[in-house]
Amino acid sequence: MSENQNLLAEQRRALILDEVRRRGGVRVNELTRKLGVSDMTVRRDLDALARQGMLEKVHGGAVPVVEASTHEPGFEAKSGLEPTAKEDIARAAARLVGPGAAIALSGGTTTYALARQLLEVPDLTVVTNSVRVADVFHVTQRTSGQRQGSATVVLTGGVRTPSDSLVGPVADQAIAALHFDLLFLGVHGISLEAGLSTPNLAEAETNRRLVHSARRVVVVADHTKWGTVGLSSFATLDQVDTLVTDAGLPAEARAEISEHLRVIVAGEPGEEAAEA
């Protein structure tokens, strides 16, 4: 069988993952027919997805990973997942931020990538409940000196989660008194039924406060977050203005999400024009 050269490895793997989640499992021979590639290529893709913890290999195919809705991976574990997609999303999301804006960044590895993209935007006020995000700005200011136009960073305080977010009553009270032009929100999961969700109950409440304090809400989430549901929902899709995601999100999912909010697909032709 000749290999299908029209699909990149990341696109193939996104399609495989979508099939596994939608159908509850797939067989290798089904995937070879659907994708037009060899058994060896499919098995390599399954190996890669299994190493990332995205699915579980079984004899002759793969099934979804059965994960407790309360399981919350640590920051380092999440950093290794979909790094290219996160960088693409961060660059696209940064284009939504103009000089002098008051923005909020929630915890998460994608918002951490976004923070690095925002270092050259002048006169920002950044509110965050993420220790990692705050460090991006503080370390730059310590090593490069306090430049004119450097960001003013407000760290909320609170109780630290495994993903290095600060949550709880202290964070909630600080956020409730503030108002931002834009909130960039990382999520554990996103779906039509559950909306935005997280496995951490305290983080869910803090995220609700962030959403309530923002004029516009932008979710930054790679395609693997689609269809994932955590223990606690904290916002519906109708409360979100924009989703910035990557090209791995299947077309069917894009169409469903677009009925509720604007979707920006990072790295695709016309992306910058669509944001203008």
C-alpha atoms as a PDB file:
ATOM      1  CA  MET A   1       0.000   0.000   0.000  1.00  0.00           C
ATOM      2  CA  SER A   2       1.368   3.431  -0.856  1.00  0.00           C
ATOM      3  CA  GLU A   3       1.712   5.885   1.993  1.00  0.00           C
ATOM      4  CA  ASN A   4      -0.705   8.838   2.167  1.00  0.00           C
ATOM      5  CA  GLN A   5       1.663  11.806   1.983  1.00  0.00           C
ATOM      6  CA  ASN A   6      -1.116  14.384   2.412  1.00  0.00           C
ATOM      7  CA  LEU A   7      -1.371  13.897   6.171  1.00  0.00           C
ATOM      8  CA  LEU A   8       1.367  14.952   8.566  1.00  0.00           C
ATOM      9  CA  ALA A   9       2.102  12.685  11.523  1.00  0.00           C
ATOM     10  CA  GLU A  10       0.393  15.062  13.983  1.00  0.00           C
ATOM     11  CA  GLN A  11      -2.711  15.227  11.791  1.00  0.00           C
ATOM     12  CA  ARG A  12      -2.857  11.427  11.478  1.00  0.00           C
ATOM     13  CA  ARG A  13      -2.507  11.000  15.215  1.00  0.00           C
ATOM     14  CA  ALA A  14      -5.231  13.552  15.890  1.00  0.00           C
ATOM     15  CA  LEU A  15      -7.582  11.635  13.588  1.00  0.00           C
ATOM     16  CA  ILE A  16      -6.667   8.344  15.290  1.00  0.00           C
ATOM     17  CA  LEU A  17      -7.292   9.826  18.727  1.00  0.00           C
ATOM     18  CA  ASP A  18     -10.638  11.227  17.605  1.00  0.00           C
ATOM     19  CA  GLU A  19     -11.683   7.793  16.295  1.00  0.00           C
ATOM     20  CA  VAL A  20     -10.638   6.098  19.536  1.00  0.00           C
ATOM     21  CA  ARG A  21     -12.534   8.582  21.704  1.00  0.00           C
ATOM     22  CA  ARG A  22     -15.625   8.674  19.484  1.00  0.00           C
ATOM     23  CA  ARG A  23     -15.965   4.923  18.964  1.00  0.00           C
ATOM     24  CA  GLY A  24     -14.444   3.642  22.193  1.00  0.00           C
ATOM     25  CA  GLY A  25     -11.692   1.766  20.344  1.00  0.00           C
ATOM     26  CA  VAL A  26     -10.303   1.026  16.888  1.00  0.00           C
ATOM     27  CA  ARG A  27      -8.422  -1.759  15.138  1.00  0.00           C
ATOM     28  CA  VAL A  28      -5.177  -1.313  13.212  1.00  0.00           C
ATOM     29  CA  ASN A  29      -6.641  -2.653   9.953  1.00  0.00           C
ATOM     30  CA  GLU A  30      -9.518  -0.164  10.164  1.00  0.00           C
ATOM     31  CA  LEU A  31      -7.082   2.713  10.557  1.00  0.00           C
ATOM     32  CA  THR A  32      -4.896   1.596   7.641  1.00  0.00           C
ATOM     33  CA  ARG A  33      -7.944   1.670   5.351  1.00  0.00           C
ATOM     34  CA  LYS A  34      -9.258   4.973   6.668  1.00  0.00           C
ATOM     35  CA  LEU A  35      -5.899   6.783   6.558  1.00  0.00           C
ATOM     36  CA  GLY A  36      -4.402   5.087   3.496  1.00  0.00           C
ATOM     37  CA  VAL A  37      -1.133   4.205   5.237  1.00  0.00           C
ATOM     38  CA  SER A  38       0.673   0.994   6.164  1.00  0.00           C
ATOM     39  CA  ASP A  39       0.212  -1.132   9.277  1.00  0.00           C
ATOM     40  CA  MET A  40       3.699  -0.117  10.389  1.00  0.00           C
ATOM     41  CA  THR A  41       2.835   3.593  10.191  1.00  0.00           C
ATOM     42  CA  VAL A  42      -0.350   3.107  12.205  1.00  0.00           C
ATOM     43  CA  ARG A  43       1.489   1.075  14.844  1.00  0.00           C
ATOM     44  CA  ARG A  44       4.145   3.786  15.160  1.00  0.00           C
ATOM     45  CA  ASP A  45       1.392   6.374  15.603  1.00  0.00           C
ATOM     46  CA  LEU A  46      -0.278   4.235  18.275  1.00  0.00           C
ATOM     47  CA  ASP A  47       3.054   3.810  20.051  1.00  0.00           C
ATOM     48  CA  ALA A  48       3.595   7.575  20.070  1.00  0.00           C
ATOM     49  CA  LEU A  49       0.086   8.277  21.390  1.00  0.00           C
ATOM     50  CA  ALA A  50       0.438   5.584  24.050  1.00  0.00           C
ATOM     51  CA  ARG A  51       3.745   7.086  25.254  1.00  0.00           C
ATOM     52  CA  GLN A  52       1.963  10.428  25.654  1.00  0.00           C
ATOM     53  CA  GLY A  53      -0.762   8.742  27.690  1.00  0.00           C
ATOM     54  CA  MET A  54      -3.430   9.632  25.134  1.00  0.00           C
ATOM     55  CA  LEU A  55      -4.659   6.058  24.534  1.00  0.00           C
ATOM     56  CA  GLU A  56      -3.964   2.471  25.561  1.00  0.00           C
ATOM     57  CA  LYS A  57      -2.691  -0.095  23.083  1.00  0.00           C
ATOM     58  CA  VAL A  58      -4.431  -3.480  23.044  1.00  0.00           C
ATOM     59  CA  HIS A  59      -3.973  -6.523  20.827  1.00  0.00           C
ATOM     60  CA  GLY A  60      -4.808  -5.441  17.277  1.00  0.00           C
ATOM     61  CA  GLY A  61      -5.696  -1.837  18.061  1.00  0.00           C
ATOM     62  CA  ALA A  62      -6.232   0.775  20.772  1.00  0.00           C
ATOM     63  CA  VAL A  63      -8.794   1.936  23.338  1.00  0.00           C
ATOM     64  CA  PRO A  64      -9.221   5.179  25.325  1.00  0.00           C
ATOM     65  CA  VAL A  65      -7.306   5.654  28.536  1.00  0.00           C
ATOM     66  CA  VAL A  66      -9.645   5.219  31.494  1.00  0.00           C
ATOM     67  CA  GLU A  67      -8.703   8.103  33.754  1.00  0.00           C
ATOM     68  CA  ALA A  68     -10.436   9.241  36.911  1.00  0.00           C
ATOM     69  CA  SER A  69     -12.153  12.598  36.516  1.00  0.00           C
ATOM     70  CA  THR A  70     -10.289  13.738  39.638  1.00  0.00           C
ATOM     71  CA  HIS A  71      -6.812  12.954  38.269  1.00  0.00           C
ATOM     72  CA  GLU A  72      -4.722  16.113  37.913  1.00  0.00           C
ATOM     73  CA  PRO A  73      -1.309  15.740  36.224  1.00  0.00           C
ATOM     74  CA  GLY A  74       1.558  17.911  37.464  1.00  0.00           C
ATOM     75  CA  PHE A  75       3.003  20.820  35.479  1.00  0.00           C
ATOM     76  CA  GLU A  76       6.087  18.923  34.320  1.00  0.00           C
ATOM     77  CA  ALA A  77       4.030  15.965  33.089  1.00  0.00           C
ATOM     78  CA  LYS A  78       1.745  18.235  31.076  1.00  0.00           C
ATOM     79  CA  SER A  79       4.645  20.233  29.650  1.00  0.00           C
ATOM     80  CA  GLY A  80       5.750  17.241  27.595  1.00  0.00           C
ATOM     81  CA  LEU A  81       2.375  16.860  25.857  1.00  0.00           C
ATOM     82  CA  GLU A  82       1.805  18.526  22.454  1.00  0.00           C
ATOM     83  CA  PRO A  83       4.647  21.080  22.777  1.00  0.00           C
ATOM     84  CA  THR A  84       4.497  22.155  19.113  1.00  0.00           C
ATOM     85  CA  ALA A  85       0.756  22.740  19.257  1.00  0.00           C
ATOM     86  CA  LYS A  86       1.097  24.776  22.448  1.00  0.00           C
ATOM     87  CA  GLU A  87       3.738  27.039  20.914  1.00  0.00           C
ATOM     88  CA  ASP A  88       1.593  27.572  17.800  1.00  0.00           C
ATOM     89  CA  ILE A  89      -1.427  28.399  19.961  1.00  0.00           C
ATOM     90  CA  ALA A  90       0.626  30.783  22.101  1.00  0.00           C
ATOM     91  CA  ARG A  91       1.849  32.737  19.052  1.00  0.00           C
ATOM     92  CA  ALA A  92      -1.690  33.029  17.666  1.00  0.00           C
ATOM     93  CA  ALA A  93      -3.161  34.068  21.016  1.00  0.00           C
ATOM     94  CA  ALA A  94      -0.462  36.710  21.570  1.00  0.00           C
ATOM     95  CA  ARG A  95      -1.675  38.528  18.449  1.00  0.00           C
ATOM     96  CA  LEU A  96      -4.917  39.282  20.277  1.00  0.00           C
ATOM     97  CA  VAL A  97      -3.081  41.419  22.861  1.00  0.00           C
ATOM     98  CA  GLY A  98      -2.321  45.082  22.268  1.00  0.00           C
ATOM     99  CA  PRO A  99      -0.043  47.445  24.220  1.00  0.00           C
ATOM    100  CA  GLY A 100      -1.406  48.689  27.515  1.00  0.00           C
ATOM    101  CA  ALA A 101      -3.989  45.935  27.941  1.00  0.00           C
ATOM    102  CA  ALA A 102      -5.046  44.538  31.292  1.00  0.00           C
ATOM    103  CA  ILE A 103      -5.070  40.768  30.895  1.00  0.00           C
ATOM    104  CA  ALA A 104      -5.380  37.688  33.066  1.00  0.00           C
ATOM    105  CA  LEU A 105      -3.604  34.383  32.515  1.00  0.00           C
ATOM    106  CA  SER A 106      -4.824  31.280  34.310  1.00  0.00           C
ATOM    107  CA  GLY A 107      -2.570  28.396  35.253  1.00  0.00           C
ATOM    108  CA  GLY A 108      -1.487  25.827  32.685  1.00  0.00           C
ATOM    109  CA  THR A 109       1.289  24.897  30.291  1.00  0.00           C
ATOM    110  CA  THR A 110      -0.330  26.649  27.308  1.00  0.00           C
ATOM    111  CA  THR A 111      -0.751  29.934  29.193  1.00  0.00           C
ATOM    112  CA  TYR A 112       2.886  29.520  30.295  1.00  0.00           C
ATOM    113  CA  ALA A 113       3.892  29.335  26.615  1.00  0.00           C
ATOM    114  CA  LEU A 114       1.709  32.391  25.951  1.00  0.00           C
ATOM    115  CA  ALA A 115       3.415  34.386  28.713  1.00  0.00           C
ATOM    116  CA  ARG A 116       6.758  33.954  26.940  1.00  0.00           C
ATOM    117  CA  GLN A 117       5.198  35.328  23.743  1.00  0.00           C
ATOM    118  CA  LEU A 118       3.947  38.435  25.581  1.00  0.00           C
ATOM    119  CA  LEU A 119       7.283  39.619  26.967  1.00  0.00           C
ATOM    120  CA  GLU A 120       7.754  42.183  24.184  1.00  0.00           C
ATOM    121  CA  VAL A 121       4.238  43.653  24.377  1.00  0.00           C
ATOM    122  CA  PRO A 122       4.654  46.993  26.208  1.00  0.00           C
ATOM    123  CA  ASP A 123       2.798  48.300  29.242  1.00  0.00           C
ATOM    124  CA  LEU A 124       0.791  45.196  30.044  1.00  0.00           C
ATOM    125  CA  THR A 125      -0.881  44.627  33.377  1.00  0.00           C
ATOM    126  CA  VAL A 126      -0.919  40.873  33.948  1.00  0.00           C
ATOM    127  CA  VAL A 127      -3.052  39.246  36.632  1.00  0.00           C
ATOM    128  CA  THR A 128      -2.317  35.572  37.158  1.00  0.00           C
ATOM    129  CA  ASN A 129      -2.896  32.757  39.611  1.00  0.00           C
ATOM    130  CA  SER A 130       0.000  30.813  38.076  1.00  0.00           C
ATOM    131  CA  VAL A 131       3.379  30.743  39.803  1.00  0.00           C
ATOM    132  CA  ARG A 132       4.989  29.641  36.530  1.00  0.00           C
ATOM    133  CA  VAL A 133       3.446  32.453  34.497  1.00  0.00           C
ATOM    134  CA  ALA A 134       4.499  35.084  37.053  1.00  0.00           C
ATOM    135  CA  ASP A 135       8.052  33.701  36.979  1.00  0.00           C
ATOM    136  CA  VAL A 136       8.265  34.195  33.204  1.00  0.00           C
ATOM    137  CA  PHE A 137       7.900  37.949  33.676  1.00  0.00           C
ATOM    138  CA  HIS A 138       9.861  38.229  36.933  1.00  0.00           C
ATOM    139  CA  VAL A 139      12.879  36.264  35.674  1.00  0.00           C
ATOM    140  CA  THR A 140      13.040  38.374  32.506  1.00  0.00           C
ATOM    141  CA  GLN A 141      12.929  41.571  34.537  1.00  0.00           C
ATOM    142  CA  ARG A 142      15.639  40.331  36.900  1.00  0.00           C
ATOM    143  CA  THR A 143      17.989  39.284  34.088  1.00  0.00           C
ATOM    144  CA  SER A 144      17.303  42.147  31.666  1.00  0.00           C
ATOM    145  CA  GLY A 145      16.538  44.884  34.139  1.00  0.00           C
ATOM    146  CA  GLN A 146      13.330  46.839  34.630  1.00  0.00           C
ATOM    147  CA  ARG A 147      12.751  48.322  31.167  1.00  0.00           C
ATOM    148  CA  GLN A 148      10.326  51.075  30.286  1.00  0.00           C
ATOM    149  CA  GLY A 149       7.096  49.374  29.285  1.00  0.00           C
ATOM    150  CA  SER A 150       7.778  46.191  31.276  1.00  0.00           C
ATOM    151  CA  ALA A 151       4.682  44.334  32.421  1.00  0.00           C
ATOM    152  CA  THR A 152       3.155  44.937  35.818  1.00  0.00           C
ATOM    153  CA  VAL A 153       2.393  41.516  37.269  1.00  0.00           C
ATOM    154  CA  VAL A 154      -0.164  40.799  39.979  1.00  0.00           C
ATOM    155  CA  LEU A 155       0.077  37.307  41.512  1.00  0.00           C
ATOM    156  CA  THR A 156      -3.144  36.442  43.318  1.00  0.00           C
ATOM    157  CA  GLY A 157      -1.877  34.272  46.156  1.00  0.00           C
ATOM    158  CA  GLY A 158      -3.683  31.159  47.332  1.00  0.00           C
ATOM    159  CA  VAL A 159      -3.102  27.430  47.782  1.00  0.00           C
ATOM    160  CA  ARG A 160      -0.834  25.739  45.232  1.00  0.00           C
ATOM    161  CA  THR A 161      -2.197  22.899  43.049  1.00  0.00           C
ATOM    162  CA  PRO A 162      -0.182  20.115  41.327  1.00  0.00           C
ATOM    163  CA  SER A 163      -0.171  22.272  38.167  1.00  0.00           C
ATOM    164  CA  ASP A 164       1.324  25.223  40.096  1.00  0.00           C
ATOM    165  CA  SER A 165      -1.864  27.289  40.071  1.00  0.00           C
ATOM    166  CA  LEU A 166      -2.936  29.273  43.137  1.00  0.00           C
ATOM    167  CA  VAL A 167      -6.549  28.643  44.122  1.00  0.00           C
ATOM    168  CA  GLY A 168      -8.915  28.924  47.073  1.00  0.00           C
ATOM    169  CA  PRO A 169     -10.501  31.809  49.025  1.00  0.00           C
ATOM    170  CA  VAL A 170      -7.435  34.082  48.949  1.00  0.00           C
ATOM    171  CA  ALA A 171      -7.164  33.852  45.163  1.00  0.00           C
ATOM    172  CA  ASP A 172     -10.926  34.142  44.711  1.00  0.00           C
ATOM    173  CA  GLN A 173     -11.144  37.315  46.801  1.00  0.00           C
ATOM    174  CA  ALA A 174      -8.258  38.966  44.957  1.00  0.00           C
ATOM    175  CA  ILE A 175      -9.741  38.176  41.546  1.00  0.00           C
ATOM    176  CA  ALA A 176     -13.265  39.301  42.491  1.00  0.00           C
ATOM    177  CA  ALA A 177     -12.029  42.878  43.020  1.00  0.00           C
ATOM    178  CA  LEU A 178     -10.368  43.122  39.595  1.00  0.00           C
ATOM    179  CA  HIS A 179     -11.505  43.615  35.995  1.00  0.00           C
ATOM    180  CA  PHE A 180      -9.545  42.569  32.885  1.00  0.00           C
ATOM    181  CA  ASP A 181      -9.862  43.322  29.198  1.00  0.00           C
ATOM    182  CA  LEU A 182      -8.930  39.741  28.269  1.00  0.00           C
ATOM    183  CA  LEU A 183      -8.730  36.442  30.109  1.00  0.00           C
ATOM    184  CA  PHE A 184      -6.602  33.677  28.606  1.00  0.00           C
ATOM    185  CA  LEU A 185      -7.772  30.441  30.110  1.00  0.00           C
ATOM    186  CA  GLY A 186      -6.080  27.057  29.989  1.00  0.00           C
ATOM    187  CA  VAL A 187      -8.385  24.087  30.530  1.00  0.00           C
ATOM    188  CA  HIS A 188      -8.170  20.434  31.497  1.00  0.00           C
ATOM    189  CA  GLY A 189     -11.088  19.559  29.245  1.00  0.00           C
ATOM    190  CA  ILE A 190     -13.639  21.046  26.873  1.00  0.00           C
ATOM    191  CA  SER A 191     -16.831  19.473  25.531  1.00  0.00           C
ATOM    192  CA  LEU A 192     -20.285  20.473  24.303  1.00  0.00           C
ATOM    193  CA  GLU A 193     -22.046  18.906  27.270  1.00  0.00           C
ATOM    194  CA  ALA A 194     -19.691  19.772  30.153  1.00  0.00           C
ATOM    195  CA  GLY A 195     -18.251  23.014  28.787  1.00  0.00           C
ATOM    196  CA  LEU A 196     -14.925  23.846  30.442  1.00  0.00           C
ATOM    197  CA  SER A 197     -13.882  21.543  33.263  1.00  0.00           C
ATOM    198  CA  THR A 198     -11.084  20.718  35.699  1.00  0.00           C
ATOM    199  CA  PRO A 199     -10.413  17.832  38.117  1.00  0.00           C
ATOM    200  CA  ASN A 200      -9.756  20.299  40.967  1.00  0.00           C
ATOM    201  CA  LEU A 201     -12.825  21.677  42.774  1.00  0.00           C
ATOM    202  CA  ALA A 202     -11.016  24.701  44.214  1.00  0.00           C
ATOM    203  CA  GLU A 203      -9.519  25.539  40.825  1.00  0.00           C
ATOM    204  CA  ALA A 204     -13.003  25.373  39.282  1.00  0.00           C
ATOM    205  CA  GLU A 205     -14.227  28.077  41.664  1.00  0.00           C
ATOM    206  CA  THR A 206     -11.180  30.272  41.017  1.00  0.00           C
ATOM    207  CA  ASN A 207     -11.697  29.896  37.262  1.00  0.00           C
ATOM    208  CA  ARG A 208     -15.340  30.939  37.666  1.00  0.00           C
ATOM    209  CA  ARG A 209     -14.137  34.143  39.324  1.00  0.00           C
ATOM    210  CA  LEU A 210     -11.678  34.745  36.478  1.00  0.00           C
ATOM    211  CA  VAL A 211     -14.421  34.321  33.874  1.00  0.00           C
ATOM    212  CA  HIS A 212     -16.769  36.645  35.787  1.00  0.00           C
ATOM    213  CA  SER A 213     -14.095  39.390  35.989  1.00  0.00           C
ATOM    214  CA  ALA A 214     -13.197  39.353  32.273  1.00  0.00           C
ATOM    215  CA  ARG A 215     -14.726  41.406  29.467  1.00  0.00           C
ATOM    216  CA  ARG A 216     -13.608  38.770  26.934  1.00  0.00           C
ATOM    217  CA  VAL A 217     -12.701  35.133  27.556  1.00  0.00           C
ATOM    218  CA  VAL A 218     -10.193  33.351  25.305  1.00  0.00           C
ATOM    219  CA  VAL A 219      -9.600  29.639  25.835  1.00  0.00           C
ATOM    220  CA  VAL A 220      -6.188  28.355  24.731  1.00  0.00           C
ATOM    221  CA  ALA A 221      -6.390  24.580  24.327  1.00  0.00           C
ATOM    222  CA  ASP A 222      -4.822  22.029  22.003  1.00  0.00           C
ATOM    223  CA  HIS A 223      -6.936  19.399  20.236  1.00  0.00           C
ATOM    224  CA  THR A 224      -6.350  16.714  22.888  1.00  0.00           C
ATOM    225  CA  LYS A 225      -8.500  18.677  25.365  1.00  0.00           C
ATOM    226  CA  TRP A 226     -11.588  18.178  23.175  1.00  0.00           C
ATOM    227  CA  GLY A 227     -13.894  15.539  24.630  1.00  0.00           C
ATOM    228  CA  THR A 228     -12.092  15.435  27.992  1.00  0.00           C
ATOM    229  CA  VAL A 229     -14.271  16.018  31.059  1.00  0.00           C
ATOM    230  CA  GLY A 230     -12.931  16.776  34.541  1.00  0.00           C
ATOM    231  CA  LEU A 231     -14.767  16.469  37.845  1.00  0.00           C
ATOM    232  CA  SER A 232     -16.076  20.042  37.940  1.00  0.00           C
ATOM    233  CA  SER A 233     -17.432  22.284  35.169  1.00  0.00           C
ATOM    234  CA  PHE A 234     -16.834  26.000  35.626  1.00  0.00           C
ATOM    235  CA  ALA A 235     -18.094  27.629  32.393  1.00  0.00           C
ATOM    236  CA  THR A 236     -20.300  26.850  29.415  1.00  0.00           C
ATOM    237  CA  LEU A 237     -19.112  27.312  25.844  1.00  0.00           C
ATOM    238  CA  ASP A 238     -21.504  30.254  25.532  1.00  0.00           C
ATOM    239  CA  GLN A 239     -19.471  32.096  28.200  1.00  0.00           C
ATOM    240  CA  VAL A 240     -16.367  31.909  25.992  1.00  0.00           C
ATOM    241  CA  ASP A 241     -15.680  34.415  23.212  1.00  0.00           C
ATOM    242  CA  THR A 242     -12.810  32.689  21.403  1.00  0.00           C
ATOM    243  CA  LEU A 243     -11.063  29.325  21.300  1.00  0.00           C
ATOM    244  CA  VAL A 244      -7.471  29.285  20.042  1.00  0.00           C
ATOM    245  CA  THR A 245      -6.540  25.715  19.151  1.00  0.00           C
ATOM    246  CA  ASP A 246      -4.321  23.786  16.726  1.00  0.00           C
ATOM    247  CA  ALA A 247      -4.826  22.059  13.386  1.00  0.00           C
ATOM    248  CA  GLY A 248      -5.252  18.682  15.063  1.00  0.00           C
ATOM    249  CA  LEU A 249      -8.837  19.526  16.066  1.00  0.00           C
ATOM    250  CA  PRO A 250     -11.116  17.508  13.741  1.00  0.00           C
ATOM    251  CA  ALA A 251     -13.351  19.404  11.312  1.00  0.00           C
ATOM    252  CA  GLU A 252     -16.510  18.017  12.914  1.00  0.00           C
ATOM    253  CA  ALA A 253     -15.463  19.346  16.316  1.00  0.00           C
ATOM    254  CA  ARG A 254     -14.605  22.745  14.836  1.00  0.00           C
ATOM    255  CA  ALA A 255     -18.067  22.988  13.303  1.00  0.00           C
ATOM    256  CA  GLU A 256     -19.764  22.070  16.588  1.00  0.00           C
ATOM    257  CA  ILE A 257     -17.727  24.544  18.621  1.00  0.00           C
ATOM    258  CA  SER A 258     -18.177  27.322  16.056  1.00  0.00           C
ATOM    259  CA  GLU A 259     -21.910  27.318  16.773  1.00  0.00           C
ATOM    260  CA  HIS A 260     -21.084  28.735  20.217  1.00  0.00           C
ATOM    261  CA  LEU A 261     -17.913  30.813  19.818  1.00  0.00           C
ATOM    262  CA  ARG A 262     -15.183  32.007  17.467  1.00  0.00           C
ATOM    263  CA  VAL A 263     -12.492  29.443  16.637  1.00  0.00           C
ATOM    264  CA  ILE A 264      -8.939  30.400  15.644  1.00  0.00           C
ATOM    265  CA  VAL A 265      -6.850  27.499  14.361  1.00  0.00           C
ATOM    266  CA  ALA A 266      -3.189  28.330  14.920  1.00  0.00           C
ATOM    267  CA  GLY A 267      -0.823  27.824  12.026  1.00  0.00           C
ATOM    268  CA  GLU A 268      -3.442  27.446   9.306  1.00  0.00           C
ATOM    269  CA  PRO A 269      -3.460  29.670   6.189  1.00  0.00           C
ATOM    270  CA  GLY A 270      -5.532  32.790   6.761  1.00  0.00           C
ATOM    271  CA  GLU A 271      -5.202  32.619  10.537  1.00  0.00           C
ATOM    272  CA  GLU A 272      -3.801  36.136  10.886  1.00  0.00           C
ATOM    273  CA  ALA A 273      -6.394  37.589   8.530  1.00  0.00           C
ATOM    274  CA  ALA A 274      -9.138  35.881  10.509  1.00  0.00           C
ATOM    275  CA  GLU A 275      -7.932  37.567  13.695  1.00  0.00           C
ATOM    276  CA  ALA A 276      -7.807  41.090  12.281  1.00  0.00           C
END
